[in-house]
């Protein structure tokens, strides 16, 4: 799977939510694009990642 531009290997069947939590993301402060489409936060637990996927995660940063 390609994750934020880097190739990684998925060793087991993993939901998007499990992956994001394992990587340390606060799911209320990110946007996720999977294979070119934005994934609604409500779908994170039901989406299963595959080796052919392209996943991009963007963190929101406050400030001014």
PDB file of N, CA and C in Angstrom:
ATOM      1  N   UNK A   1       0.848  -1.162   0.000  1.00  0.00           N
ATOM      2  CA  UNK A   1       0.000   0.000   0.000  1.00  0.00           C
ATOM      3  C   UNK A   1       0.897   1.229   0.000  1.00  0.00           C
ATOM      4  N   UNK A   2       0.440   2.248  -0.672  1.00  0.00           N
ATOM      5  CA  UNK A   2       1.155   3.516  -0.665  1.00  0.00           C
ATOM      6  C   UNK A   2       0.502   4.417   0.377  1.00  0.00           C
ATOM      7  N   UNK A   3       1.284   4.864   1.357  1.00  0.00           N
ATOM      8  CA  UNK A   3       0.782   5.683   2.458  1.00  0.00           C
ATOM      9  C   UNK A   3       1.567   6.992   2.516  1.00  0.00           C
ATOM     10  N   UNK A   4       0.879   8.087   2.218  1.00  0.00           N
ATOM     11  CA  UNK A   4       1.512   9.409   2.173  1.00  0.00           C
ATOM     12  C   UNK A   4       2.789   9.395   1.337  1.00  0.00           C
ATOM     13  N   UNK A   5       2.706   8.743   0.190  1.00  0.00           N
ATOM     14  CA  UNK A   5       3.806   8.734  -0.767  1.00  0.00           C
ATOM     15  C   UNK A   5       4.853   7.653  -0.567  1.00  0.00           C
ATOM     16  N   UNK A   6       4.765   6.875   0.509  1.00  0.00           N
ATOM     17  CA  UNK A   6       5.738   5.819   0.776  1.00  0.00           C
ATOM     18  C   UNK A   6       5.083   4.453   0.703  1.00  0.00           C
ATOM     19  N   UNK A   7       5.779   3.516   0.103  1.00  0.00           N
ATOM     20  CA  UNK A   7       5.275   2.151  -0.004  1.00  0.00           C
ATOM     21  C   UNK A   7       5.431   1.442   1.331  1.00  0.00           C
ATOM     22  N   UNK A   8       4.356   0.848   1.840  1.00  0.00           N
ATOM     23  CA  UNK A   8       4.408   0.043   3.058  1.00  0.00           C
ATOM     24  C   UNK A   8       3.723  -1.290   2.794  1.00  0.00           C
ATOM     25  N   UNK A   9       4.002  -2.262   3.648  1.00  0.00           N
ATOM     26  CA  UNK A   9       3.409  -3.589   3.502  1.00  0.00           C
ATOM     27  C   UNK A   9       2.378  -3.784   4.610  1.00  0.00           C
ATOM     28  N   UNK A  10       1.188  -4.198   4.213  1.00  0.00           N
ATOM     29  CA  UNK A  10       0.161  -4.558   5.188  1.00  0.00           C
ATOM     30  C   UNK A  10       0.348  -6.026   5.527  1.00  0.00           C
ATOM     31  N   UNK A  11       0.594  -6.317   6.783  1.00  0.00           N
ATOM     32  CA  UNK A  11       0.841  -7.697   7.190  1.00  0.00           C
ATOM     33  C   UNK A  11      -0.428  -8.471   7.503  1.00  0.00           C
ATOM     34  N   UNK A  12      -1.526  -7.744   7.680  1.00  0.00           N
ATOM     35  CA  UNK A  12      -2.790  -8.403   8.024  1.00  0.00           C
ATOM     36  C   UNK A  12      -3.949  -7.536   7.558  1.00  0.00           C
ATOM     37  N   UNK A  13      -5.133  -8.135   7.526  1.00  0.00           N
ATOM     38  CA  UNK A  13      -6.341  -7.406   7.159  1.00  0.00           C
ATOM     39  C   UNK A  13      -6.578  -6.323   8.223  1.00  0.00           C
ATOM     40  N   UNK A  14      -6.697  -5.081   7.783  1.00  0.00           N
ATOM     41  CA  UNK A  14      -6.785  -3.950   8.702  1.00  0.00           C
ATOM     42  C   UNK A  14      -7.842  -2.966   8.233  1.00  0.00           C
ATOM     43  N   UNK A  15      -8.657  -2.498   9.165  1.00  0.00           N
ATOM     44  CA  UNK A  15      -9.614  -1.442   8.820  1.00  0.00           C
ATOM     45  C   UNK A  15      -8.865  -0.110   8.793  1.00  0.00           C
ATOM     46  N   UNK A  16      -9.430   0.840   8.099  1.00  0.00           N
ATOM     47  CA  UNK A  16      -8.843   2.165   8.038  1.00  0.00           C
ATOM     48  C   UNK A  16      -8.730   2.751   9.443  1.00  0.00           C
ATOM     49  N   UNK A  17      -9.760   2.589  10.263  1.00  0.00           N
ATOM     50  CA  UNK A  17      -9.740   3.109  11.626  1.00  0.00           C
ATOM     51  C   UNK A  17      -8.598   2.491  12.436  1.00  0.00           C
ATOM     52  N   UNK A  18      -8.442   1.169  12.365  1.00  0.00           N
ATOM     53  CA  UNK A  18      -7.355   0.495  13.097  1.00  0.00           C
ATOM     54  C   UNK A  18      -5.997   1.022  12.650  1.00  0.00           C
ATOM     55  N   UNK A  19      -5.828   1.185  11.344  1.00  0.00           N
ATOM     56  CA  UNK A  19      -4.564   1.671  10.805  1.00  0.00           C
ATOM     57  C   UNK A  19      -4.261   3.077  11.313  1.00  0.00           C
ATOM     58  N   UNK A  20      -5.246   3.959  11.250  1.00  0.00           N
ATOM     59  CA  UNK A  20      -5.044   5.344  11.687  1.00  0.00           C
ATOM     60  C   UNK A  20      -4.711   5.412  13.176  1.00  0.00           C
ATOM     61  N   UNK A  21      -5.394   4.626  13.979  1.00  0.00           N
ATOM     62  CA  UNK A  21      -5.121   4.601  15.417  1.00  0.00           C
ATOM     63  C   UNK A  21      -3.722   4.065  15.693  1.00  0.00           C
ATOM     64  N   UNK A  22      -3.334   3.011  14.983  1.00  0.00           N
ATOM     65  CA  UNK A  22      -2.003   2.427  15.155  1.00  0.00           C
ATOM     66  C   UNK A  22      -0.904   3.420  14.780  1.00  0.00           C
ATOM     67  N   UNK A  23      -1.190   4.256  13.786  1.00  0.00           N
ATOM     68  CA  UNK A  23      -0.216   5.260  13.352  1.00  0.00           C
ATOM     69  C   UNK A  23      -0.233   6.511  14.227  1.00  0.00           C
ATOM     70  N   UNK A  24      -1.164   6.576  15.185  1.00  0.00           N
ATOM     71  CA  UNK A  24      -1.192   7.671  16.141  1.00  0.00           C
ATOM     72  C   UNK A  24      -1.974   8.904  15.721  1.00  0.00           C
ATOM     73  N   UNK A  25      -2.873   8.762  14.757  1.00  0.00           N
ATOM     74  CA  UNK A  25      -3.675   9.896  14.295  1.00  0.00           C
ATOM     75  C   UNK A  25      -4.903  10.094  15.164  1.00  0.00           C
ATOM     76  N   UNK A  26      -5.197  11.354  15.487  1.00  0.00           N
ATOM     77  CA  UNK A  26      -6.452  11.724  16.140  1.00  0.00           C
ATOM     78  C   UNK A  26      -7.470  11.866  15.014  1.00  0.00           C
ATOM     79  N   UNK A  27      -8.404  10.939  14.921  1.00  0.00           N
ATOM     80  CA  UNK A  27      -9.287  10.878  13.752  1.00  0.00           C
ATOM     81  C   UNK A  27     -10.215  12.069  13.611  1.00  0.00           C
ATOM     82  N   UNK A  28     -10.354  12.874  14.649  1.00  0.00           N
ATOM     83  CA  UNK A  28     -11.201  14.067  14.538  1.00  0.00           C
ATOM     84  C   UNK A  28     -10.437  15.273  13.982  1.00  0.00           C
ATOM     85  N   UNK A  29      -9.128  15.107  13.734  1.00  0.00           N
ATOM     86  CA  UNK A  29      -8.303  16.224  13.265  1.00  0.00           C
ATOM     87  C   UNK A  29      -7.588  15.922  11.957  1.00  0.00           C
ATOM     88  N   UNK A  30      -8.159  15.017  11.171  1.00  0.00           N
ATOM     89  CA  UNK A  30      -7.535  14.646   9.901  1.00  0.00           C
ATOM     90  C   UNK A  30      -8.574  14.550   8.791  1.00  0.00           C
ATOM     91  N   UNK A  31      -8.068  14.562   7.583  1.00  0.00           N
ATOM     92  CA  UNK A  31      -8.872  14.229   6.401  1.00  0.00           C
ATOM     93  C   UNK A  31      -8.157  13.067   5.726  1.00  0.00           C
ATOM     94  N   UNK A  32      -8.938  12.123   5.212  1.00  0.00           N
ATOM     95  CA  UNK A  32      -8.374  10.922   4.605  1.00  0.00           C
ATOM     96  C   UNK A  32      -8.848  10.794   3.165  1.00  0.00           C
ATOM     97  N   UNK A  33      -7.891  10.563   2.281  1.00  0.00           N
ATOM     98  CA  UNK A  33      -8.186  10.301   0.873  1.00  0.00           C
ATOM     99  C   UNK A  33      -7.700   8.894   0.564  1.00  0.00           C
ATOM    100  N   UNK A  34      -8.592   8.062   0.063  1.00  0.00           N
ATOM    101  CA  UNK A  34      -8.263   6.688  -0.287  1.00  0.00           C
ATOM    102  C   UNK A  34      -8.545   6.489  -1.764  1.00  0.00           C
ATOM    103  N   UNK A  35      -7.512   6.198  -2.522  1.00  0.00           N
ATOM    104  CA  UNK A  35      -7.627   5.985  -3.968  1.00  0.00           C
ATOM    105  C   UNK A  35      -8.315   7.155  -4.670  1.00  0.00           C
ATOM    106  N   UNK A  36      -7.960   8.368  -4.244  1.00  0.00           N
ATOM    107  CA  UNK A  36      -8.459   9.562  -4.900  1.00  0.00           C
ATOM    108  C   UNK A  36      -9.800  10.073  -4.416  1.00  0.00           C
ATOM    109  N   UNK A  37     -10.390   9.426  -3.415  1.00  0.00           N
ATOM    110  CA  UNK A  37     -11.693   9.854  -2.900  1.00  0.00           C
ATOM    111  C   UNK A  37     -11.614  10.090  -1.398  1.00  0.00           C
ATOM    112  N   UNK A  38     -12.261  11.174  -0.944  1.00  0.00           N
ATOM    113  CA  UNK A  38     -12.314  11.484   0.487  1.00  0.00           C
ATOM    114  C   UNK A  38     -13.190  10.439   1.184  1.00  0.00           C
ATOM    115  N   UNK A  39     -12.699   9.935   2.311  1.00  0.00           N
ATOM    116  CA  UNK A  39     -13.454   8.953   3.093  1.00  0.00           C
ATOM    117  C   UNK A  39     -14.113   9.674   4.273  1.00  0.00           C
ATOM    118  N   UNK A  40     -15.443   9.615   4.382  1.00  0.00           N
ATOM    119  CA  UNK A  40     -16.116  10.226   5.536  1.00  0.00           C
ATOM    120  C   UNK A  40     -15.687   9.524   6.827  1.00  0.00           C
ATOM    121  N   UNK A  41     -15.533  10.292   7.882  1.00  0.00           N
ATOM    122  CA  UNK A  41     -15.112   9.743   9.179  1.00  0.00           C
ATOM    123  C   UNK A  41     -16.024   8.598   9.618  1.00  0.00           C
ATOM    124  N   UNK A  42     -17.288   8.674   9.297  1.00  0.00           N
ATOM    125  CA  UNK A  42     -18.248   7.632   9.699  1.00  0.00           C
ATOM    126  C   UNK A  42     -17.970   6.283   9.029  1.00  0.00           C
ATOM    127  N   UNK A  43     -17.146   6.265   7.992  1.00  0.00           N
ATOM    128  CA  UNK A  43     -16.846   5.025   7.260  1.00  0.00           C
ATOM    129  C   UNK A  43     -15.503   4.405   7.635  1.00  0.00           C
ATOM    130  N   UNK A  44     -14.697   5.072   8.460  1.00  0.00           N
ATOM    131  CA  UNK A  44     -13.346   4.589   8.779  1.00  0.00           C
ATOM    132  C   UNK A  44     -13.331   3.139   9.261  1.00  0.00           C
ATOM    133  N   UNK A  45     -14.268   2.765  10.133  1.00  0.00           N
ATOM    134  CA  UNK A  45     -14.273   1.410  10.702  1.00  0.00           C
ATOM    135  C   UNK A  45     -14.692   0.355   9.688  1.00  0.00           C
ATOM    136  N   UNK A  46     -15.461   0.740   8.675  1.00  0.00           N
ATOM    137  CA  UNK A  46     -15.979  -0.243   7.723  1.00  0.00           C
ATOM    138  C   UNK A  46     -15.122  -0.387   6.461  1.00  0.00           C
ATOM    139  N   UNK A  47     -14.125   0.459   6.296  1.00  0.00           N
ATOM    140  CA  UNK A  47     -13.251   0.382   5.121  1.00  0.00           C
ATOM    141  C   UNK A  47     -12.064  -0.522   5.442  1.00  0.00           C
ATOM    142  N   UNK A  48     -11.850  -1.548   4.619  1.00  0.00           N
ATOM    143  CA  UNK A  48     -10.717  -2.453   4.787  1.00  0.00           C
ATOM    144  C   UNK A  48      -9.640  -2.073   3.783  1.00  0.00           C
ATOM    145  N   UNK A  49      -8.424  -1.889   4.282  1.00  0.00           N
ATOM    146  CA  UNK A  49      -7.306  -1.505   3.417  1.00  0.00           C
ATOM    147  C   UNK A  49      -6.767  -2.712   2.666  1.00  0.00           C
ATOM    148  N   UNK A  50      -6.291  -2.449   1.431  1.00  0.00           N
ATOM    149  CA  UNK A  50      -5.722  -3.490   0.580  1.00  0.00           C
ATOM    150  C   UNK A  50      -4.337  -3.060   0.114  1.00  0.00           C
ATOM    151  N   UNK A  51      -3.524  -4.021  -0.287  1.00  0.00           N
ATOM    152  CA  UNK A  51      -2.155  -3.729  -0.727  1.00  0.00           C
ATOM    153  C   UNK A  51      -2.096  -2.770  -1.910  1.00  0.00           C
ATOM    154  N   UNK A  52      -3.113  -2.745  -2.745  1.00  0.00           N
ATOM    155  CA  UNK A  52      -3.107  -1.893  -3.935  1.00  0.00           C
ATOM    156  C   UNK A  52      -3.587  -0.471  -3.654  1.00  0.00           C
ATOM    157  N   UNK A  53      -3.984  -0.180  -2.410  1.00  0.00           N
ATOM    158  CA  UNK A  53      -4.544   1.127  -2.076  1.00  0.00           C
ATOM    159  C   UNK A  53      -3.489   2.228  -2.043  1.00  0.00           C
ATOM    160  N   UNK A  54      -3.976   3.443  -2.279  1.00  0.00           N
ATOM    161  CA  UNK A  54      -3.174   4.657  -2.154  1.00  0.00           C
ATOM    162  C   UNK A  54      -3.869   5.519  -1.107  1.00  0.00           C
ATOM    163  N   UNK A  55      -3.239   5.682   0.056  1.00  0.00           N
ATOM    164  CA  UNK A  55      -3.840   6.370   1.193  1.00  0.00           C
ATOM    165  C   UNK A  55      -3.065   7.646   1.494  1.00  0.00           C
ATOM    166  N   UNK A  56      -3.790   8.751   1.596  1.00  0.00           N
ATOM    167  CA  UNK A  56      -3.211  10.041   1.966  1.00  0.00           C
ATOM    168  C   UNK A  56      -3.943  10.550   3.198  1.00  0.00           C
ATOM    169  N   UNK A  57      -3.192  10.984   4.203  1.00  0.00           N
ATOM    170  CA  UNK A  57      -3.773  11.539   5.413  1.00  0.00           C
ATOM    171  C   UNK A  57      -3.230  12.952   5.592  1.00  0.00           C
ATOM    172  N   UNK A  58      -4.151  13.903   5.789  1.00  0.00           N
ATOM    173  CA  UNK A  58      -3.787  15.289   5.983  1.00  0.00           C
ATOM    174  C   UNK A  58      -4.262  15.722   7.367  1.00  0.00           C
ATOM    175  N   UNK A  59      -3.356  16.314   8.149  1.00  0.00           N
ATOM    176  CA  UNK A  59      -3.692  16.800   9.493  1.00  0.00           C
ATOM    177  C   UNK A  59      -4.056  18.268   9.423  1.00  0.00           C
ATOM    178  N   UNK A  60      -5.078  18.650  10.188  1.00  0.00           N
ATOM    179  CA  UNK A  60      -5.479  20.047  10.285  1.00  0.00           C
ATOM    180  C   UNK A  60      -4.600  20.733  11.312  1.00  0.00           C
ATOM    181  N   UNK A  61      -4.114  21.926  10.963  1.00  0.00           N
ATOM    182  CA  UNK A  61      -3.267  22.694  11.858  1.00  0.00           C
ATOM    183  C   UNK A  61      -3.898  24.058  12.065  1.00  0.00           C
ATOM    184  N   UNK A  62      -4.102  24.427  13.313  1.00  0.00           N
ATOM    185  CA  UNK A  62      -4.676  25.732  13.623  1.00  0.00           C
ATOM    186  C   UNK A  62      -3.589  26.792  13.710  1.00  0.00           C
ATOM    187  N   UNK A  63      -4.011  27.994  13.727  1.00  0.00           N
ATOM    188  CA  UNK A  63      -3.044  29.101  13.847  1.00  0.00           C
ATOM    189  C   UNK A  63      -3.512  30.282  13.021  1.00  0.00           C
ATOM    190  N   UNK A  64      -2.701  31.288  13.016  1.00  0.00           N
ATOM    191  CA  UNK A  64      -3.105  32.449  12.254  1.00  0.00           C
ATOM    192  C   UNK A  64      -1.968  33.363  11.948  1.00  0.00           C
TER     193      UNK A  64
END
